[in-house]
């Protein structure tokens, strides 16, 4: 994947205020279960799940199954890559 395409994918994933809020929350708490994310946003659980899916597909977050829940965290390496791509822009 070339740098321009990679940057576009990452920017698109951050192109909604709810996804920015989710990522900010994950960076602040360092880990978060999906139910907790739903509690901080004025959105339905299904909508939050769609936003989480888009962030995960872009590689900005990771999700691990822990029992009946999925625990999400920010991928700091991918965020560093985003920072480098923006700086190079």
PDB file of N, CA and C in Angstrom:
ATOM      1  N   UNK A   1       0.854  -1.169   0.000  1.00  0.00           N
ATOM      2  CA  UNK A   1       0.000   0.000   0.000  1.00  0.00           C
ATOM      3  C   UNK A   1       0.905   1.238   0.000  1.00  0.00           C
ATOM      4  N   UNK A   2       0.653   2.162  -0.917  1.00  0.00           N
ATOM      5  CA  UNK A   2       1.508   3.346  -0.961  1.00  0.00           C
ATOM      6  C   UNK A   2       1.099   4.355   0.125  1.00  0.00           C
ATOM      7  N   UNK A   3       1.958   5.316   0.364  1.00  0.00           N
ATOM      8  CA  UNK A   3       1.764   6.266   1.460  1.00  0.00           C
ATOM      9  C   UNK A   3       0.480   7.077   1.320  1.00  0.00           C
ATOM     10  N   UNK A   4       0.165   7.514   0.100  1.00  0.00           N
ATOM     11  CA  UNK A   4      -1.045   8.315  -0.104  1.00  0.00           C
ATOM     12  C   UNK A   4      -2.299   7.503   0.202  1.00  0.00           C
ATOM     13  N   UNK A   5      -2.316   6.266  -0.270  1.00  0.00           N
ATOM     14  CA  UNK A   5      -3.480   5.404  -0.010  1.00  0.00           C
ATOM     15  C   UNK A   5      -3.592   5.121   1.486  1.00  0.00           C
ATOM     16  N   UNK A   6      -2.484   4.827   2.121  1.00  0.00           N
ATOM     17  CA  UNK A   6      -2.469   4.539   3.550  1.00  0.00           C
ATOM     18  C   UNK A   6      -2.988   5.732   4.354  1.00  0.00           C
ATOM     19  N   UNK A   7      -2.525   6.924   4.024  1.00  0.00           N
ATOM     20  CA  UNK A   7      -2.991   8.127   4.702  1.00  0.00           C
ATOM     21  C   UNK A   7      -4.481   8.332   4.486  1.00  0.00           C
ATOM     22  N   UNK A   8      -4.954   8.113   3.279  1.00  0.00           N
ATOM     23  CA  UNK A   8      -6.374   8.286   2.976  1.00  0.00           C
ATOM     24  C   UNK A   8      -7.237   7.315   3.781  1.00  0.00           C
ATOM     25  N   UNK A   9      -6.788   6.068   3.911  1.00  0.00           N
ATOM     26  CA  UNK A   9      -7.525   5.065   4.679  1.00  0.00           C
ATOM     27  C   UNK A   9      -7.626   5.493   6.143  1.00  0.00           C
ATOM     28  N   UNK A  10      -6.520   5.953   6.689  1.00  0.00           N
ATOM     29  CA  UNK A  10      -6.514   6.371   8.092  1.00  0.00           C
ATOM     30  C   UNK A  10      -7.375   7.610   8.314  1.00  0.00           C
ATOM     31  N   UNK A  11      -7.280   8.572   7.416  1.00  0.00           N
ATOM     32  CA  UNK A  11      -8.094   9.791   7.542  1.00  0.00           C
ATOM     33  C   UNK A  11      -9.576   9.486   7.397  1.00  0.00           C
ATOM     34  N   UNK A  12      -9.910   8.593   6.505  1.00  0.00           N
ATOM     35  CA  UNK A  12     -11.315   8.207   6.320  1.00  0.00           C
ATOM     36  C   UNK A  12     -11.853   7.568   7.594  1.00  0.00           C
ATOM     37  N   UNK A  13     -11.033   6.737   8.227  1.00  0.00           N
ATOM     38  CA  UNK A  13     -11.461   6.088   9.471  1.00  0.00           C
ATOM     39  C   UNK A  13     -11.710   7.112  10.572  1.00  0.00           C
ATOM     40  N   UNK A  14     -10.998   8.225  10.537  1.00  0.00           N
ATOM     41  CA  UNK A  14     -11.170   9.266  11.545  1.00  0.00           C
ATOM     42  C   UNK A  14     -12.130  10.360  11.078  1.00  0.00           C
ATOM     43  N   UNK A  15     -12.826  10.102   9.982  1.00  0.00           N
ATOM     44  CA  UNK A  15     -13.690  11.103   9.368  1.00  0.00           C
ATOM     45  C   UNK A  15     -15.047  11.282  10.025  1.00  0.00           C
ATOM     46  N   UNK A  16     -15.260  10.739  11.202  1.00  0.00           N
ATOM     47  CA  UNK A  16     -16.528  10.917  11.912  1.00  0.00           C
ATOM     48  C   UNK A  16     -16.212  11.276  13.363  1.00  0.00           C
ATOM     49  N   UNK A  17     -16.899  12.272  13.914  1.00  0.00           N
ATOM     50  CA  UNK A  17     -16.615  12.693  15.291  1.00  0.00           C
ATOM     51  C   UNK A  17     -16.743  11.566  16.318  1.00  0.00           C
ATOM     52  N   UNK A  18     -17.652  10.640  16.109  1.00  0.00           N
ATOM     53  CA  UNK A  18     -17.807   9.529  17.056  1.00  0.00           C
ATOM     54  C   UNK A  18     -16.563   8.643  17.070  1.00  0.00           C
ATOM     55  N   UNK A  19     -15.963   8.419  15.905  1.00  0.00           N
ATOM     56  CA  UNK A  19     -14.759   7.584  15.854  1.00  0.00           C
ATOM     57  C   UNK A  19     -13.575   8.301  16.508  1.00  0.00           C
ATOM     58  N   UNK A  20     -13.508   9.608  16.350  1.00  0.00           N
ATOM     59  CA  UNK A  20     -12.460  10.386  17.020  1.00  0.00           C
ATOM     60  C   UNK A  20     -12.664  10.282  18.537  1.00  0.00           C
ATOM     61  N   UNK A  21     -13.901  10.407  18.999  1.00  0.00           N
ATOM     62  CA  UNK A  21     -14.200  10.316  20.438  1.00  0.00           C
ATOM     63  C   UNK A  21     -13.853   8.936  20.987  1.00  0.00           C
ATOM     64  N   UNK A  22     -14.162   7.896  20.225  1.00  0.00           N
ATOM     65  CA  UNK A  22     -13.838   6.532  20.650  1.00  0.00           C
ATOM     66  C   UNK A  22     -12.331   6.379  20.787  1.00  0.00           C
ATOM     67  N   UNK A  23     -11.595   6.812  19.797  1.00  0.00           N
ATOM     68  CA  UNK A  23     -10.143   6.679  19.828  1.00  0.00           C
ATOM     69  C   UNK A  23      -9.551   7.492  20.991  1.00  0.00           C
ATOM     70  N   UNK A  24     -10.044   8.693  21.189  1.00  0.00           N
ATOM     71  CA  UNK A  24      -9.572   9.528  22.301  1.00  0.00           C
ATOM     72  C   UNK A  24      -9.824   8.811  23.629  1.00  0.00           C
ATOM     73  N   UNK A  25     -11.002   8.239  23.790  1.00  0.00           N
ATOM     74  CA  UNK A  25     -11.343   7.519  25.019  1.00  0.00           C
ATOM     75  C   UNK A  25     -10.420   6.322  25.228  1.00  0.00           C
ATOM     76  N   UNK A  26     -10.178   5.565  24.174  1.00  0.00           N
ATOM     77  CA  UNK A  26      -9.301   4.404  24.296  1.00  0.00           C
ATOM     78  C   UNK A  26      -7.882   4.805  24.671  1.00  0.00           C
ATOM     79  N   UNK A  27      -7.414   5.928  24.166  1.00  0.00           N
ATOM     80  CA  UNK A  27      -6.077   6.407  24.517  1.00  0.00           C
ATOM     81  C   UNK A  27      -6.018   6.873  25.975  1.00  0.00           C
ATOM     82  N   UNK A  28      -7.110   7.418  26.476  1.00  0.00           N
ATOM     83  CA  UNK A  28      -7.133   7.896  27.854  1.00  0.00           C
ATOM     84  C   UNK A  28      -7.178   6.752  28.862  1.00  0.00           C
ATOM     85  N   UNK A  29      -7.964   5.717  28.567  1.00  0.00           N
ATOM     86  CA  UNK A  29      -8.122   4.622  29.534  1.00  0.00           C
ATOM     87  C   UNK A  29      -7.189   3.453  29.249  1.00  0.00           C
ATOM     88  N   UNK A  30      -6.587   3.437  28.087  1.00  0.00           N
ATOM     89  CA  UNK A  30      -5.649   2.410  27.629  1.00  0.00           C
ATOM     90  C   UNK A  30      -6.316   1.069  27.333  1.00  0.00           C
ATOM     91  N   UNK A  31      -7.493   0.811  27.822  1.00  0.00           N
ATOM     92  CA  UNK A  31      -8.286  -0.392  27.518  1.00  0.00           C
ATOM     93  C   UNK A  31      -9.738  -0.058  27.793  1.00  0.00           C
ATOM     94  N   UNK A  32     -10.624  -0.691  27.082  1.00  0.00           N
ATOM     95  CA  UNK A  32     -12.033  -0.395  27.294  1.00  0.00           C
ATOM     96  C   UNK A  32     -12.883  -1.522  26.725  1.00  0.00           C
ATOM     97  N   UNK A  33     -13.881  -1.930  27.448  1.00  0.00           N
ATOM     98  CA  UNK A  33     -14.813  -2.929  26.940  1.00  0.00           C
ATOM     99  C   UNK A  33     -15.906  -2.199  26.169  1.00  0.00           C
ATOM    100  N   UNK A  34     -16.415  -2.801  25.143  1.00  0.00           N
ATOM    101  CA  UNK A  34     -17.391  -2.165  24.246  1.00  0.00           C
ATOM    102  C   UNK A  34     -18.537  -1.513  25.004  1.00  0.00           C
ATOM    103  N   UNK A  35     -19.065  -2.167  26.006  1.00  0.00           N
ATOM    104  CA  UNK A  35     -20.166  -1.604  26.775  1.00  0.00           C
ATOM    105  C   UNK A  35     -19.810  -0.272  27.397  1.00  0.00           C
ATOM    106  N   UNK A  36     -18.555  -0.130  27.838  1.00  0.00           N
ATOM    107  CA  UNK A  36     -18.112   1.138  28.403  1.00  0.00           C
ATOM    108  C   UNK A  36     -18.095   2.233  27.347  1.00  0.00           C
ATOM    109  N   UNK A  37     -17.719   1.896  26.148  1.00  0.00           N
ATOM    110  CA  UNK A  37     -17.685   2.879  25.062  1.00  0.00           C
ATOM    111  C   UNK A  37     -19.102   3.351  24.755  1.00  0.00           C
ATOM    112  N   UNK A  38     -20.048   2.439  24.757  1.00  0.00           N
ATOM    113  CA  UNK A  38     -21.445   2.804  24.505  1.00  0.00           C
ATOM    114  C   UNK A  38     -21.927   3.801  25.556  1.00  0.00           C
ATOM    115  N   UNK A  39     -21.462   3.651  26.788  1.00  0.00           N
ATOM    116  CA  UNK A  39     -21.905   4.541  27.868  1.00  0.00           C
ATOM    117  C   UNK A  39     -21.379   5.963  27.727  1.00  0.00           C
ATOM    118  N   UNK A  40     -20.279   6.162  27.008  1.00  0.00           N
ATOM    119  CA  UNK A  40     -19.728   7.517  26.891  1.00  0.00           C
ATOM    120  C   UNK A  40     -20.255   8.276  25.676  1.00  0.00           C
ATOM    121  N   UNK A  41     -20.921   7.567  24.777  1.00  0.00           N
ATOM    122  CA  UNK A  41     -21.425   8.198  23.556  1.00  0.00           C
ATOM    123  C   UNK A  41     -22.951   8.170  23.530  1.00  0.00           C
ATOM    124  N   UNK A  42     -23.551   9.211  22.977  1.00  0.00           N
ATOM    125  CA  UNK A  42     -25.014   9.231  22.877  1.00  0.00           C
ATOM    126  C   UNK A  42     -25.496   8.490  21.622  1.00  0.00           C
ATOM    127  N   UNK A  43     -24.991   7.269  21.442  1.00  0.00           N
ATOM    128  CA  UNK A  43     -25.320   6.493  20.244  1.00  0.00           C
ATOM    129  C   UNK A  43     -25.770   5.094  20.643  1.00  0.00           C
ATOM    130  N   UNK A  44     -26.541   4.481  19.779  1.00  0.00           N
ATOM    131  CA  UNK A  44     -26.980   3.105  20.007  1.00  0.00           C
ATOM    132  C   UNK A  44     -25.788   2.157  19.948  1.00  0.00           C
ATOM    133  N   UNK A  45     -25.907   1.031  20.629  1.00  0.00           N
ATOM    134  CA  UNK A  45     -24.828   0.049  20.671  1.00  0.00           C
ATOM    135  C   UNK A  45     -24.469  -0.425  19.269  1.00  0.00           C
ATOM    136  N   UNK A  46     -25.448  -0.605  18.414  1.00  0.00           N
ATOM    137  CA  UNK A  46     -25.175  -1.070  17.051  1.00  0.00           C
ATOM    138  C   UNK A  46     -24.380  -0.022  16.258  1.00  0.00           C
ATOM    139  N   UNK A  47     -24.658   1.246  16.488  1.00  0.00           N
ATOM    140  CA  UNK A  47     -23.926   2.318  15.814  1.00  0.00           C
ATOM    141  C   UNK A  47     -22.483   2.365  16.301  1.00  0.00           C
ATOM    142  N   UNK A  48     -22.299   2.235  17.612  1.00  0.00           N
ATOM    143  CA  UNK A  48     -20.947   2.208  18.175  1.00  0.00           C
ATOM    144  C   UNK A  48     -20.176   1.019  17.601  1.00  0.00           C
ATOM    145  N   UNK A  49     -20.827  -0.118  17.488  1.00  0.00           N
ATOM    146  CA  UNK A  49     -20.172  -1.304  16.927  1.00  0.00           C
ATOM    147  C   UNK A  49     -19.700  -1.064  15.503  1.00  0.00           C
ATOM    148  N   UNK A  50     -20.487  -0.365  14.708  1.00  0.00           N
ATOM    149  CA  UNK A  50     -20.085  -0.058  13.334  1.00  0.00           C
ATOM    150  C   UNK A  50     -18.869   0.868  13.320  1.00  0.00           C
ATOM    151  N   UNK A  51     -18.856   1.846  14.208  1.00  0.00           N
ATOM    152  CA  UNK A  51     -17.703   2.746  14.292  1.00  0.00           C
ATOM    153  C   UNK A  51     -16.457   1.976  14.738  1.00  0.00           C
ATOM    154  N   UNK A  52     -16.607   1.087  15.702  1.00  0.00           N
ATOM    155  CA  UNK A  52     -15.481   0.265  16.154  1.00  0.00           C
ATOM    156  C   UNK A  52     -14.957  -0.594  15.014  1.00  0.00           C
ATOM    157  N   UNK A  53     -15.862  -1.128  14.238  1.00  0.00           N
ATOM    158  CA  UNK A  53     -15.466  -1.966  13.097  1.00  0.00           C
ATOM    159  C   UNK A  53     -14.616  -1.166  12.115  1.00  0.00           C
ATOM    160  N   UNK A  54     -15.019   0.057  11.811  1.00  0.00           N
ATOM    161  CA  UNK A  54     -14.268   0.877  10.860  1.00  0.00           C
ATOM    162  C   UNK A  54     -12.886   1.242  11.400  1.00  0.00           C
ATOM    163  N   UNK A  55     -12.808   1.548  12.681  1.00  0.00           N
ATOM    164  CA  UNK A  55     -11.510   1.850  13.281  1.00  0.00           C
ATOM    165  C   UNK A  55     -10.609   0.625  13.278  1.00  0.00           C
ATOM    166  N   UNK A  56     -11.205  -0.525  13.532  1.00  0.00           N
ATOM    167  CA  UNK A  56     -10.428  -1.769  13.550  1.00  0.00           C
ATOM    168  C   UNK A  56      -9.940  -2.126  12.148  1.00  0.00           C
ATOM    169  N   UNK A  57     -10.784  -1.971  11.156  1.00  0.00           N
ATOM    170  CA  UNK A  57     -10.387  -2.278   9.771  1.00  0.00           C
ATOM    171  C   UNK A  57      -9.232  -1.384   9.309  1.00  0.00           C
ATOM    172  N   UNK A  58      -9.185  -0.155   9.801  1.00  0.00           N
ATOM    173  CA  UNK A  58      -8.096   0.759   9.446  1.00  0.00           C
ATOM    174  C   UNK A  58      -6.843   0.476  10.272  1.00  0.00           C
ATOM    175  N   UNK A  59      -6.968  -0.382  11.272  1.00  0.00           N
ATOM    176  CA  UNK A  59      -5.825  -0.732  12.098  1.00  0.00           C
ATOM    177  C   UNK A  59      -5.555   0.236  13.230  1.00  0.00           C
ATOM    178  N   UNK A  60      -6.464   1.182  13.463  1.00  0.00           N
ATOM    179  CA  UNK A  60      -6.254   2.159  14.519  1.00  0.00           C
ATOM    180  C   UNK A  60      -6.545   1.594  15.907  1.00  0.00           C
ATOM    181  N   UNK A  61      -7.376   0.559  15.967  1.00  0.00           N
ATOM    182  CA  UNK A  61      -7.641  -0.112  17.234  1.00  0.00           C
ATOM    183  C   UNK A  61      -7.528  -1.611  17.033  1.00  0.00           C
ATOM    184  N   UNK A  62      -7.347  -2.302  18.140  1.00  0.00           N
ATOM    185  CA  UNK A  62      -7.343  -3.768  18.143  1.00  0.00           C
ATOM    186  C   UNK A  62      -8.420  -4.222  19.105  1.00  0.00           C
ATOM    187  N   UNK A  63      -8.973  -5.380  18.838  1.00  0.00           N
ATOM    188  CA  UNK A  63      -9.981  -5.939  19.729  1.00  0.00           C
ATOM    189  C   UNK A  63      -9.641  -7.371  20.066  1.00  0.00           C
ATOM    190  N   UNK A  64      -9.706  -7.696  21.347  1.00  0.00           N
ATOM    191  CA  UNK A  64      -9.435  -9.049  21.808  1.00  0.00           C
ATOM    192  C   UNK A  64     -10.652  -9.574  22.549  1.00  0.00           C
ATOM    193  N   UNK A  65     -11.003 -10.806  22.273  1.00  0.00           N
ATOM    194  CA  UNK A  65     -12.138 -11.420  22.953  1.00  0.00           C
ATOM    195  C   UNK A  65     -11.709 -11.814  24.357  1.00  0.00           C
ATOM    196  N   UNK A  66     -12.464 -11.350  25.325  1.00  0.00           N
ATOM    197  CA  UNK A  66     -12.230 -11.698  26.727  1.00  0.00           C
ATOM    198  C   UNK A  66     -13.553 -12.158  27.302  1.00  0.00           C
ATOM    199  N   UNK A  67     -13.722 -13.461  27.339  1.00  0.00           N
ATOM    200  CA  UNK A  67     -14.993 -14.010  27.800  1.00  0.00           C
ATOM    201  C   UNK A  67     -16.100 -13.626  26.843  1.00  0.00           C
ATOM    202  N   UNK A  68     -17.205 -13.093  27.373  1.00  0.00           N
ATOM    203  CA  UNK A  68     -18.326 -12.726  26.501  1.00  0.00           C
ATOM    204  C   UNK A  68     -18.176 -11.340  25.866  1.00  0.00           C
ATOM    205  N   UNK A  69     -17.087 -10.639  26.171  1.00  0.00           N
ATOM    206  CA  UNK A  69     -16.906  -9.267  25.697  1.00  0.00           C
ATOM    207  C   UNK A  69     -15.691  -9.150  24.787  1.00  0.00           C
ATOM    208  N   UNK A  70     -15.643  -8.051  24.078  1.00  0.00           N
ATOM    209  CA  UNK A  70     -14.453  -7.711  23.292  1.00  0.00           C
ATOM    210  C   UNK A  70     -13.826  -6.498  23.938  1.00  0.00           C
ATOM    211  N   UNK A  71     -12.551  -6.609  24.227  1.00  0.00           N
ATOM    212  CA  UNK A  71     -11.808  -5.509  24.835  1.00  0.00           C
ATOM    213  C   UNK A  71     -11.020  -4.811  23.738  1.00  0.00           C
ATOM    214  N   UNK A  72     -11.219  -3.515  23.600  1.00  0.00           N
ATOM    215  CA  UNK A  72     -10.562  -2.735  22.559  1.00  0.00           C
ATOM    216  C   UNK A  72      -9.448  -1.877  23.143  1.00  0.00           C
ATOM    217  N   UNK A  73      -8.415  -1.654  22.342  1.00  0.00           N
ATOM    218  CA  UNK A  73      -7.355  -0.720  22.716  1.00  0.00           C
ATOM    219  C   UNK A  73      -6.835  -0.058  21.443  1.00  0.00           C
ATOM    220  N   UNK A  74      -6.264   1.130  21.613  1.00  0.00           N
ATOM    221  CA  UNK A  74      -5.684   1.861  20.483  1.00  0.00           C
ATOM    222  C   UNK A  74      -4.387   1.185  20.073  1.00  0.00           C
ATOM    223  N   UNK A  75      -4.130   1.151  18.784  1.00  0.00           N
ATOM    224  CA  UNK A  75      -2.865   0.616  18.271  1.00  0.00           C
ATOM    225  C   UNK A  75      -1.903   1.792  18.131  1.00  0.00           C
ATOM    226  N   UNK A  76      -1.037   1.941  19.117  1.00  0.00           N
ATOM    227  CA  UNK A  76      -0.153   3.110  19.164  1.00  0.00           C
ATOM    228  C   UNK A  76       0.874   3.110  18.035  1.00  0.00           C
ATOM    229  N   UNK A  77       1.238   1.948  17.538  1.00  0.00           N
ATOM    230  CA  UNK A  77       2.157   1.893  16.392  1.00  0.00           C
ATOM    231  C   UNK A  77       1.487   2.459  15.145  1.00  0.00           C
ATOM    232  N   UNK A  78       0.227   2.109  14.956  1.00  0.00           N
ATOM    233  CA  UNK A  78      -0.507   2.615  13.796  1.00  0.00           C
ATOM    234  C   UNK A  78      -0.730   4.123  13.917  1.00  0.00           C
ATOM    235  N   UNK A  79      -0.978   4.605  15.135  1.00  0.00           N
ATOM    236  CA  UNK A  79      -1.129   6.040  15.346  1.00  0.00           C
ATOM    237  C   UNK A  79       0.177   6.776  15.076  1.00  0.00           C
ATOM    238  N   UNK A  80       1.297   6.174  15.435  1.00  0.00           N
ATOM    239  CA  UNK A  80       2.602   6.778  15.132  1.00  0.00           C
ATOM    240  C   UNK A  80       2.807   6.843  13.622  1.00  0.00           C
ATOM    241  N   UNK A  81       2.348   5.796  12.923  1.00  0.00           N
ATOM    242  CA  UNK A  81       2.437   5.795  11.464  1.00  0.00           C
ATOM    243  C   UNK A  81       1.589   6.934  10.881  1.00  0.00           C
ATOM    244  N   UNK A  82       0.394   7.124  11.419  1.00  0.00           N
ATOM    245  CA  UNK A  82      -0.470   8.219  10.974  1.00  0.00           C
ATOM    246  C   UNK A  82       0.220   9.564  11.195  1.00  0.00           C
ATOM    247  N   UNK A  83       0.821   9.736  12.360  1.00  0.00           N
ATOM    248  CA  UNK A  83       1.537  10.981  12.655  1.00  0.00           C
ATOM    249  C   UNK A  83       2.654  11.210  11.649  1.00  0.00           C
ATOM    250  N   UNK A  84       3.421  10.178  11.345  1.00  0.00           N
ATOM    251  CA  UNK A  84       4.513  10.313  10.375  1.00  0.00           C
ATOM    252  C   UNK A  84       3.995  10.660   8.993  1.00  0.00           C
ATOM    253  N   UNK A  85       2.897  10.045   8.590  1.00  0.00           N
ATOM    254  CA  UNK A  85       2.321  10.319   7.271  1.00  0.00           C
ATOM    255  C   UNK A  85       1.841  11.760   7.178  1.00  0.00           C
ATOM    256  N   UNK A  86       1.207  12.250   8.246  1.00  0.00           N
ATOM    257  CA  UNK A  86       0.731  13.639   8.238  1.00  0.00           C
ATOM    258  C   UNK A  86       1.905  14.605   8.248  1.00  0.00           C
ATOM    259  N   UNK A  87       2.929  14.295   9.043  1.00  0.00           N
ATOM    260  CA  UNK A  87       4.115  15.155   9.100  1.00  0.00           C
ATOM    261  C   UNK A  87       4.788  15.238   7.718  1.00  0.00           C
ATOM    262  N   UNK A  88       4.840  14.116   7.012  1.00  0.00           N
ATOM    263  CA  UNK A  88       5.467  14.079   5.689  1.00  0.00           C
ATOM    264  C   UNK A  88       4.632  14.783   4.631  1.00  0.00           C
ATOM    265  N   UNK A  89       3.370  14.977   4.928  1.00  0.00           N
ATOM    266  CA  UNK A  89       2.474  15.629   3.968  1.00  0.00           C
ATOM    267  C   UNK A  89       2.907  17.060   3.745  1.00  0.00           C
TER     268      UNK A  89
END
